[in-house]
Amino acid sequence: MTTARTAQPAAAPSPADPSGPPGTAAQALPDTQVSRRQWVRDVAIAGTVVAAGAGLAACSSSSPKAAGPAPAPTRSFPSAGPPTSTGGSAAGGGAATTTGKAAPLPSIPGTPESLVVTKTSAVPVGGGVIYPAHGVVVTQPKAGTYKAFSSNCTHQGCTVNKVVDGLIQCPCHGAKFSIVDGSVKAGPAPRPLPKEGITIQDGAVVLD
């Protein structure tokens, strides 16, 4: 007579001992150890991202900046300087130009110094003197007759720079004006030089 045996259920495997020998069932890691590994991995990833960002910033800062548009050229005019005295004949002939410091001006009671341009003796007969500081050209077409005109050319505003052969001349485009009345004698200037009012006081040329 055979006795029936009842099958016993297999015992569930117990969790592996983390301190057990290697090569056995996979060892379970404590939660704290898993968390630490996760933290180390996250820190490593964050460090890589920061390093990459720093590299990109360095590249962008070292890249050359695009050059802006070139500044537009500006026109410059002759700066105000010492008076230029030119002697010559109103009817023609040679002329000698000398440039130097202005002669000491006389003191005229009741007249501001800024209006006293020059001594009459400084203006040659048949020529003229350019006074950039006052913006005028003083001429003496004939002995004892004095005229004054603006020193700015009526073409493009350049300052005239010499008086030769009875003509006030502009260096920019060759305009020439009469020392008698400022009228245009040559060049592209469209109008005569404007006249400036002057009086002769105590041997000096004074602006009105």
C-alpha atoms as a PDB file:
ATOM      1  CA  MET A   1       0.000   0.000   0.000  1.00  0.00           C
ATOM      2  CA  THR A   2       1.437   3.260  -1.135  1.00  0.00           C
ATOM      3  CA  THR A   3       1.279   6.354   1.074  1.00  0.00           C
ATOM      4  CA  ALA A   4       0.664   9.654  -0.829  1.00  0.00           C
ATOM      5  CA  ARG A   5       3.075  12.424  -0.054  1.00  0.00           C
ATOM      6  CA  THR A   6       1.932  15.990  -0.010  1.00  0.00           C
ATOM      7  CA  ALA A   7       4.230  18.330  -1.965  1.00  0.00           C
ATOM      8  CA  GLN A   8       5.750  20.993   0.186  1.00  0.00           C
ATOM      9  CA  PRO A   9       5.878  24.502  -1.268  1.00  0.00           C
ATOM     10  CA  ALA A  10       9.355  25.747  -2.003  1.00  0.00           C
ATOM     11  CA  ALA A  11      10.608  28.129   0.550  1.00  0.00           C
ATOM     12  CA  ALA A  12      10.856  31.705  -0.686  1.00  0.00           C
ATOM     13  CA  PRO A  13      14.412  32.810  -0.984  1.00  0.00           C
ATOM     14  CA  SER A  14      15.418  35.110   1.760  1.00  0.00           C
ATOM     15  CA  PRO A  15      16.967  38.446   0.877  1.00  0.00           C
ATOM     16  CA  ALA A  16      20.604  38.133   0.223  1.00  0.00           C
ATOM     17  CA  ASP A  17      22.828  39.237   2.986  1.00  0.00           C
ATOM     18  CA  PRO A  18      24.697  42.318   1.793  1.00  0.00           C
ATOM     19  CA  SER A  19      27.668  41.112   3.756  1.00  0.00           C
ATOM     20  CA  GLY A  20      27.605  37.686   2.146  1.00  0.00           C
ATOM     21  CA  PRO A  21      30.273  36.441  -0.184  1.00  0.00           C
ATOM     22  CA  PRO A  22      30.376  37.669  -3.787  1.00  0.00           C
ATOM     23  CA  GLY A  23      29.033  35.500  -6.562  1.00  0.00           C
ATOM     24  CA  THR A  24      25.826  34.732  -4.739  1.00  0.00           C
ATOM     25  CA  ALA A  25      22.462  36.259  -5.437  1.00  0.00           C
ATOM     26  CA  ALA A  26      22.475  39.987  -6.239  1.00  0.00           C
ATOM     27  CA  GLN A  27      23.027  41.829  -3.029  1.00  0.00           C
ATOM     28  CA  ALA A  28      20.391  44.357  -2.091  1.00  0.00           C
ATOM     29  CA  LEU A  29      21.794  47.838  -1.362  1.00  0.00           C
ATOM     30  CA  PRO A  30      20.534  49.883   1.506  1.00  0.00           C
ATOM     31  CA  ASP A  31      18.416  52.910   0.582  1.00  0.00           C
ATOM     32  CA  THR A  32      21.061  55.258   1.904  1.00  0.00           C
ATOM     33  CA  GLN A  33      23.719  53.737  -0.397  1.00  0.00           C
ATOM     34  CA  VAL A  34      21.407  53.986  -3.427  1.00  0.00           C
ATOM     35  CA  SER A  35      20.687  57.604  -2.616  1.00  0.00           C
ATOM     36  CA  ARG A  36      24.378  58.404  -2.288  1.00  0.00           C
ATOM     37  CA  ARG A  37      25.172  56.857  -5.658  1.00  0.00           C
ATOM     38  CA  GLN A  38      22.324  58.787  -7.243  1.00  0.00           C
ATOM     39  CA  TRP A  39      23.620  62.015  -5.646  1.00  0.00           C
ATOM     40  CA  VAL A  40      27.173  61.391  -6.903  1.00  0.00           C
ATOM     41  CA  ARG A  41      25.872  60.778 -10.402  1.00  0.00           C
ATOM     42  CA  ASP A  42      23.703  63.926 -10.341  1.00  0.00           C
ATOM     43  CA  VAL A  43      26.663  66.028  -9.149  1.00  0.00           C
ATOM     44  CA  ALA A  44      28.849  64.641 -11.957  1.00  0.00           C
ATOM     45  CA  ILE A  45      26.186  65.478 -14.561  1.00  0.00           C
ATOM     46  CA  ALA A  46      25.744  68.998 -13.150  1.00  0.00           C
ATOM     47  CA  GLY A  47      29.518  69.559 -13.226  1.00  0.00           C
ATOM     48  CA  THR A  48      29.634  68.526 -16.894  1.00  0.00           C
ATOM     49  CA  VAL A  49      26.833  70.979 -17.760  1.00  0.00           C
ATOM     50  CA  VAL A  50      28.563  73.856 -15.912  1.00  0.00           C
ATOM     51  CA  ALA A  51      31.887  73.124 -17.637  1.00  0.00           C
ATOM     52  CA  ALA A  52      30.195  73.064 -21.038  1.00  0.00           C
ATOM     53  CA  GLY A  53      28.459  76.378 -20.302  1.00  0.00           C
ATOM     54  CA  ALA A  54      31.761  77.986 -19.259  1.00  0.00           C
ATOM     55  CA  GLY A  55      33.399  76.760 -22.473  1.00  0.00           C
ATOM     56  CA  LEU A  56      30.623  78.280 -24.591  1.00  0.00           C
ATOM     57  CA  ALA A  57      30.890  81.592 -22.717  1.00  0.00           C
ATOM     58  CA  ALA A  58      34.653  81.666 -23.268  1.00  0.00           C
ATOM     59  CA  CYS A  59      34.195  81.003 -26.986  1.00  0.00           C
ATOM     60  CA  SER A  60      31.573  83.726 -27.341  1.00  0.00           C
ATOM     61  CA  SER A  61      33.684  86.265 -25.434  1.00  0.00           C
ATOM     62  CA  SER A  62      36.751  85.533 -27.554  1.00  0.00           C
ATOM     63  CA  SER A  63      34.896  85.794 -30.859  1.00  0.00           C
ATOM     64  CA  PRO A  64      35.737  89.029 -32.704  1.00  0.00           C
ATOM     65  CA  LYS A  65      32.963  91.594 -32.724  1.00  0.00           C
ATOM     66  CA  ALA A  66      31.593  92.703 -36.044  1.00  0.00           C
ATOM     67  CA  ALA A  67      33.035  96.042 -37.040  1.00  0.00           C
ATOM     68  CA  GLY A  68      30.511  98.869 -37.104  1.00  0.00           C
ATOM     69  CA  PRO A  69      30.056 101.253 -40.019  1.00  0.00           C
ATOM     70  CA  ALA A  70      33.000 103.559 -40.713  1.00  0.00           C
ATOM     71  CA  PRO A  71      32.458 107.126 -39.443  1.00  0.00           C
ATOM     72  CA  ALA A  72      31.414 109.569 -42.099  1.00  0.00           C
ATOM     73  CA  PRO A  73      34.222 111.865 -43.208  1.00  0.00           C
ATOM     74  CA  THR A  74      34.001 115.360 -41.817  1.00  0.00           C
ATOM     75  CA  ARG A  75      35.036 118.521 -43.549  1.00  0.00           C
ATOM     76  CA  SER A  76      37.621 120.657 -41.784  1.00  0.00           C
ATOM     77  CA  PHE A  77      38.346 124.283 -42.427  1.00  0.00           C
ATOM     78  CA  PRO A  78      41.576 126.190 -41.821  1.00  0.00           C
ATOM     79  CA  SER A  79      41.819 127.055 -38.142  1.00  0.00           C
ATOM     80  CA  ALA A  80      42.137 130.602 -36.923  1.00  0.00           C
ATOM     81  CA  GLY A  81      45.750 131.645 -36.760  1.00  0.00           C
ATOM     82  CA  PRO A  82      47.898 134.746 -36.796  1.00  0.00           C
ATOM     83  CA  PRO A  83      47.073 137.477 -39.345  1.00  0.00           C
ATOM     84  CA  THR A  84      48.399 137.040 -42.865  1.00  0.00           C
ATOM     85  CA  SER A  85      49.643 140.272 -44.388  1.00  0.00           C
ATOM     86  CA  THR A  86      50.004 140.539 -48.144  1.00  0.00           C
ATOM     87  CA  GLY A  87      51.386 143.544 -49.964  1.00  0.00           C
ATOM     88  CA  GLY A  88      51.018 144.324 -53.628  1.00  0.00           C
ATOM     89  CA  SER A  89      49.517 146.597 -56.184  1.00  0.00           C
ATOM     90  CA  ALA A  90      45.794 146.744 -56.797  1.00  0.00           C
ATOM     91  CA  ALA A  91      46.537 147.085 -60.487  1.00  0.00           C
ATOM     92  CA  GLY A  92      48.699 143.944 -60.518  1.00  0.00           C
ATOM     93  CA  GLY A  93      52.322 143.075 -59.935  1.00  0.00           C
ATOM     94  CA  GLY A  94      54.148 140.906 -57.457  1.00  0.00           C
ATOM     95  CA  ALA A  95      53.294 140.474 -53.825  1.00  0.00           C
ATOM     96  CA  ALA A  96      55.106 139.234 -50.766  1.00  0.00           C
ATOM     97  CA  THR A  97      53.255 137.401 -48.026  1.00  0.00           C
ATOM     98  CA  THR A  98      54.406 137.523 -44.429  1.00  0.00           C
ATOM     99  CA  THR A  99      52.804 135.839 -41.466  1.00  0.00           C
ATOM    100  CA  GLY A 100      53.564 136.718 -37.882  1.00  0.00           C
ATOM    101  CA  LYS A 101      52.170 137.861 -34.558  1.00  0.00           C
ATOM    102  CA  ALA A 102      49.719 140.742 -34.544  1.00  0.00           C
ATOM    103  CA  ALA A 103      51.185 144.102 -33.606  1.00  0.00           C
ATOM    104  CA  PRO A 104      50.179 145.515 -30.203  1.00  0.00           C
ATOM    105  CA  LEU A 105      46.862 147.296 -30.574  1.00  0.00           C
ATOM    106  CA  PRO A 106      46.207 150.807 -29.302  1.00  0.00           C
ATOM    107  CA  SER A 107      43.826 151.294 -26.410  1.00  0.00           C
ATOM    108  CA  ILE A 108      40.885 153.419 -27.486  1.00  0.00           C
ATOM    109  CA  PRO A 109      38.739 154.908 -24.695  1.00  0.00           C
ATOM    110  CA  GLY A 110      35.153 153.707 -24.848  1.00  0.00           C
ATOM    111  CA  THR A 111      35.922 150.987 -27.424  1.00  0.00           C
ATOM    112  CA  PRO A 112      36.040 147.294 -26.423  1.00  0.00           C
ATOM    113  CA  GLU A 113      39.386 145.660 -27.198  1.00  0.00           C
ATOM    114  CA  SER A 114      37.634 142.863 -29.064  1.00  0.00           C
ATOM    115  CA  LEU A 115      36.509 145.327 -31.748  1.00  0.00           C
ATOM    116  CA  VAL A 116      39.979 146.712 -32.434  1.00  0.00           C
ATOM    117  CA  VAL A 117      41.291 144.685 -35.367  1.00  0.00           C
ATOM    118  CA  THR A 118      44.656 146.187 -36.236  1.00  0.00           C
ATOM    119  CA  LYS A 119      46.683 149.337 -36.740  1.00  0.00           C
ATOM    120  CA  THR A 120      46.194 151.046 -40.059  1.00  0.00           C
ATOM    121  CA  SER A 121      49.954 150.939 -40.576  1.00  0.00           C
ATOM    122  CA  ALA A 122      49.797 147.107 -40.647  1.00  0.00           C
ATOM    123  CA  VAL A 123      47.668 147.069 -43.812  1.00  0.00           C
ATOM    124  CA  PRO A 124      49.742 147.451 -47.030  1.00  0.00           C
ATOM    125  CA  VAL A 125      48.587 149.677 -49.846  1.00  0.00           C
ATOM    126  CA  GLY A 126      47.231 147.553 -52.699  1.00  0.00           C
ATOM    127  CA  GLY A 127      46.958 144.516 -50.436  1.00  0.00           C
ATOM    128  CA  GLY A 128      45.280 143.323 -47.291  1.00  0.00           C
ATOM    129  CA  VAL A 129      45.515 141.468 -44.018  1.00  0.00           C
ATOM    130  CA  ILE A 130      43.447 138.421 -43.038  1.00  0.00           C
ATOM    131  CA  TYR A 131      42.400 138.297 -39.378  1.00  0.00           C
ATOM    132  CA  PRO A 132      40.880 134.842 -38.704  1.00  0.00           C
ATOM    133  CA  ALA A 133      40.224 135.648 -35.038  1.00  0.00           C
ATOM    134  CA  HIS A 134      37.913 138.495 -36.099  1.00  0.00           C
ATOM    135  CA  GLY A 135      36.690 136.722 -39.246  1.00  0.00           C
ATOM    136  CA  VAL A 136      37.606 139.643 -41.522  1.00  0.00           C
ATOM    137  CA  VAL A 137      39.968 140.715 -44.283  1.00  0.00           C
ATOM    138  CA  VAL A 138      41.086 144.345 -44.072  1.00  0.00           C
ATOM    139  CA  THR A 139      42.317 145.843 -47.349  1.00  0.00           C
ATOM    140  CA  GLN A 140      43.755 149.170 -48.497  1.00  0.00           C
ATOM    141  CA  PRO A 141      43.036 149.429 -52.236  1.00  0.00           C
ATOM    142  CA  LYS A 142      44.627 152.848 -52.339  1.00  0.00           C
ATOM    143  CA  ALA A 143      46.467 154.927 -49.777  1.00  0.00           C
ATOM    144  CA  GLY A 144      44.194 156.013 -46.956  1.00  0.00           C
ATOM    145  CA  THR A 145      41.181 153.954 -48.113  1.00  0.00           C
ATOM    146  CA  TYR A 146      40.346 150.938 -45.965  1.00  0.00           C
ATOM    147  CA  LYS A 147      37.836 148.199 -46.634  1.00  0.00           C
ATOM    148  CA  ALA A 148      36.808 145.121 -44.672  1.00  0.00           C
ATOM    149  CA  PHE A 149      35.131 141.898 -45.822  1.00  0.00           C
ATOM    150  CA  SER A 150      34.175 138.569 -44.308  1.00  0.00           C
ATOM    151  CA  SER A 151      37.060 136.069 -44.428  1.00  0.00           C
ATOM    152  CA  ASN A 152      34.670 133.181 -45.229  1.00  0.00           C
ATOM    153  CA  CYS A 153      34.402 132.252 -48.906  1.00  0.00           C
ATOM    154  CA  THR A 154      30.837 132.395 -50.219  1.00  0.00           C
ATOM    155  CA  HIS A 155      31.312 129.083 -52.058  1.00  0.00           C
ATOM    156  CA  GLN A 156      31.568 126.575 -49.205  1.00  0.00           C
ATOM    157  CA  GLY A 157      32.638 128.650 -46.223  1.00  0.00           C
ATOM    158  CA  CYS A 158      36.392 128.038 -46.321  1.00  0.00           C
ATOM    159  CA  THR A 159      38.593 130.721 -44.786  1.00  0.00           C
ATOM    160  CA  VAL A 160      40.481 132.749 -47.379  1.00  0.00           C
ATOM    161  CA  ASN A 161      44.226 132.490 -46.898  1.00  0.00           C
ATOM    162  CA  LYS A 162      46.006 135.166 -48.921  1.00  0.00           C
ATOM    163  CA  VAL A 163      45.761 138.447 -50.792  1.00  0.00           C
ATOM    164  CA  VAL A 164      47.827 138.550 -53.983  1.00  0.00           C
ATOM    165  CA  ASP A 165      47.762 140.984 -56.915  1.00  0.00           C
ATOM    166  CA  GLY A 166      44.757 142.822 -55.565  1.00  0.00           C
ATOM    167  CA  LEU A 167      42.749 139.614 -55.082  1.00  0.00           C
ATOM    168  CA  ILE A 168      41.564 137.876 -51.911  1.00  0.00           C
ATOM    169  CA  GLN A 169      42.028 134.170 -52.570  1.00  0.00           C
ATOM    170  CA  CYS A 170      40.410 131.007 -51.206  1.00  0.00           C
ATOM    171  CA  PRO A 171      42.560 127.830 -50.968  1.00  0.00           C
ATOM    172  CA  CYS A 172      39.721 125.317 -51.288  1.00  0.00           C
ATOM    173  CA  HIS A 173      38.434 125.755 -54.843  1.00  0.00           C
ATOM    174  CA  GLY A 174      40.270 128.779 -56.215  1.00  0.00           C
ATOM    175  CA  ALA A 175      37.704 131.524 -55.722  1.00  0.00           C
ATOM    176  CA  LYS A 176      39.121 135.063 -55.957  1.00  0.00           C
ATOM    177  CA  PHE A 177      37.616 138.350 -54.787  1.00  0.00           C
ATOM    178  CA  SER A 178      38.451 142.011 -55.381  1.00  0.00           C
ATOM    179  CA  ILE A 179      40.125 143.930 -52.553  1.00  0.00           C
ATOM    180  CA  VAL A 180      38.135 146.999 -53.669  1.00  0.00           C
ATOM    181  CA  ASP A 181      34.556 145.770 -53.247  1.00  0.00           C
ATOM    182  CA  GLY A 182      34.738 141.990 -52.529  1.00  0.00           C
ATOM    183  CA  SER A 183      33.252 141.084 -55.910  1.00  0.00           C
ATOM    184  CA  VAL A 184      33.938 137.659 -57.439  1.00  0.00           C
ATOM    185  CA  LYS A 185      36.798 137.715 -59.945  1.00  0.00           C
ATOM    186  CA  ALA A 186      37.367 133.980 -60.457  1.00  0.00           C
ATOM    187  CA  GLY A 187      36.302 130.542 -59.254  1.00  0.00           C
ATOM    188  CA  PRO A 188      33.001 128.986 -58.202  1.00  0.00           C
ATOM    189  CA  ALA A 189      31.915 131.508 -55.549  1.00  0.00           C
ATOM    190  CA  PRO A 190      28.326 132.588 -56.300  1.00  0.00           C
ATOM    191  CA  ARG A 191      28.380 135.905 -54.407  1.00  0.00           C
ATOM    192  CA  PRO A 192      30.812 138.671 -53.373  1.00  0.00           C
ATOM    193  CA  LEU A 193      32.377 138.586 -49.921  1.00  0.00           C
ATOM    194  CA  PRO A 194      30.041 140.324 -47.462  1.00  0.00           C
ATOM    195  CA  LYS A 195      31.249 143.760 -46.415  1.00  0.00           C
ATOM    196  CA  GLU A 196      32.060 144.459 -42.768  1.00  0.00           C
ATOM    197  CA  GLY A 197      31.523 147.873 -41.243  1.00  0.00           C
ATOM    198  CA  ILE A 198      34.681 149.539 -39.904  1.00  0.00           C
ATOM    199  CA  THR A 199      35.843 152.943 -38.713  1.00  0.00           C
ATOM    200  CA  ILE A 200      39.313 154.358 -38.322  1.00  0.00           C
ATOM    201  CA  GLN A 201      40.004 155.573 -34.789  1.00  0.00           C
ATOM    202  CA  ASP A 202      43.346 156.782 -33.464  1.00  0.00           C
ATOM    203  CA  GLY A 203      45.239 155.011 -36.211  1.00  0.00           C
ATOM    204  CA  ALA A 204      43.390 151.700 -35.723  1.00  0.00           C
ATOM    205  CA  VAL A 205      40.821 149.733 -37.680  1.00  0.00           C
ATOM    206  CA  VAL A 206      37.756 149.180 -35.484  1.00  0.00           C
ATOM    207  CA  LEU A 207      34.746 147.008 -36.231  1.00  0.00           C
ATOM    208  CA  ASP A 208      31.400 148.787 -36.050  1.00  0.00           C
END
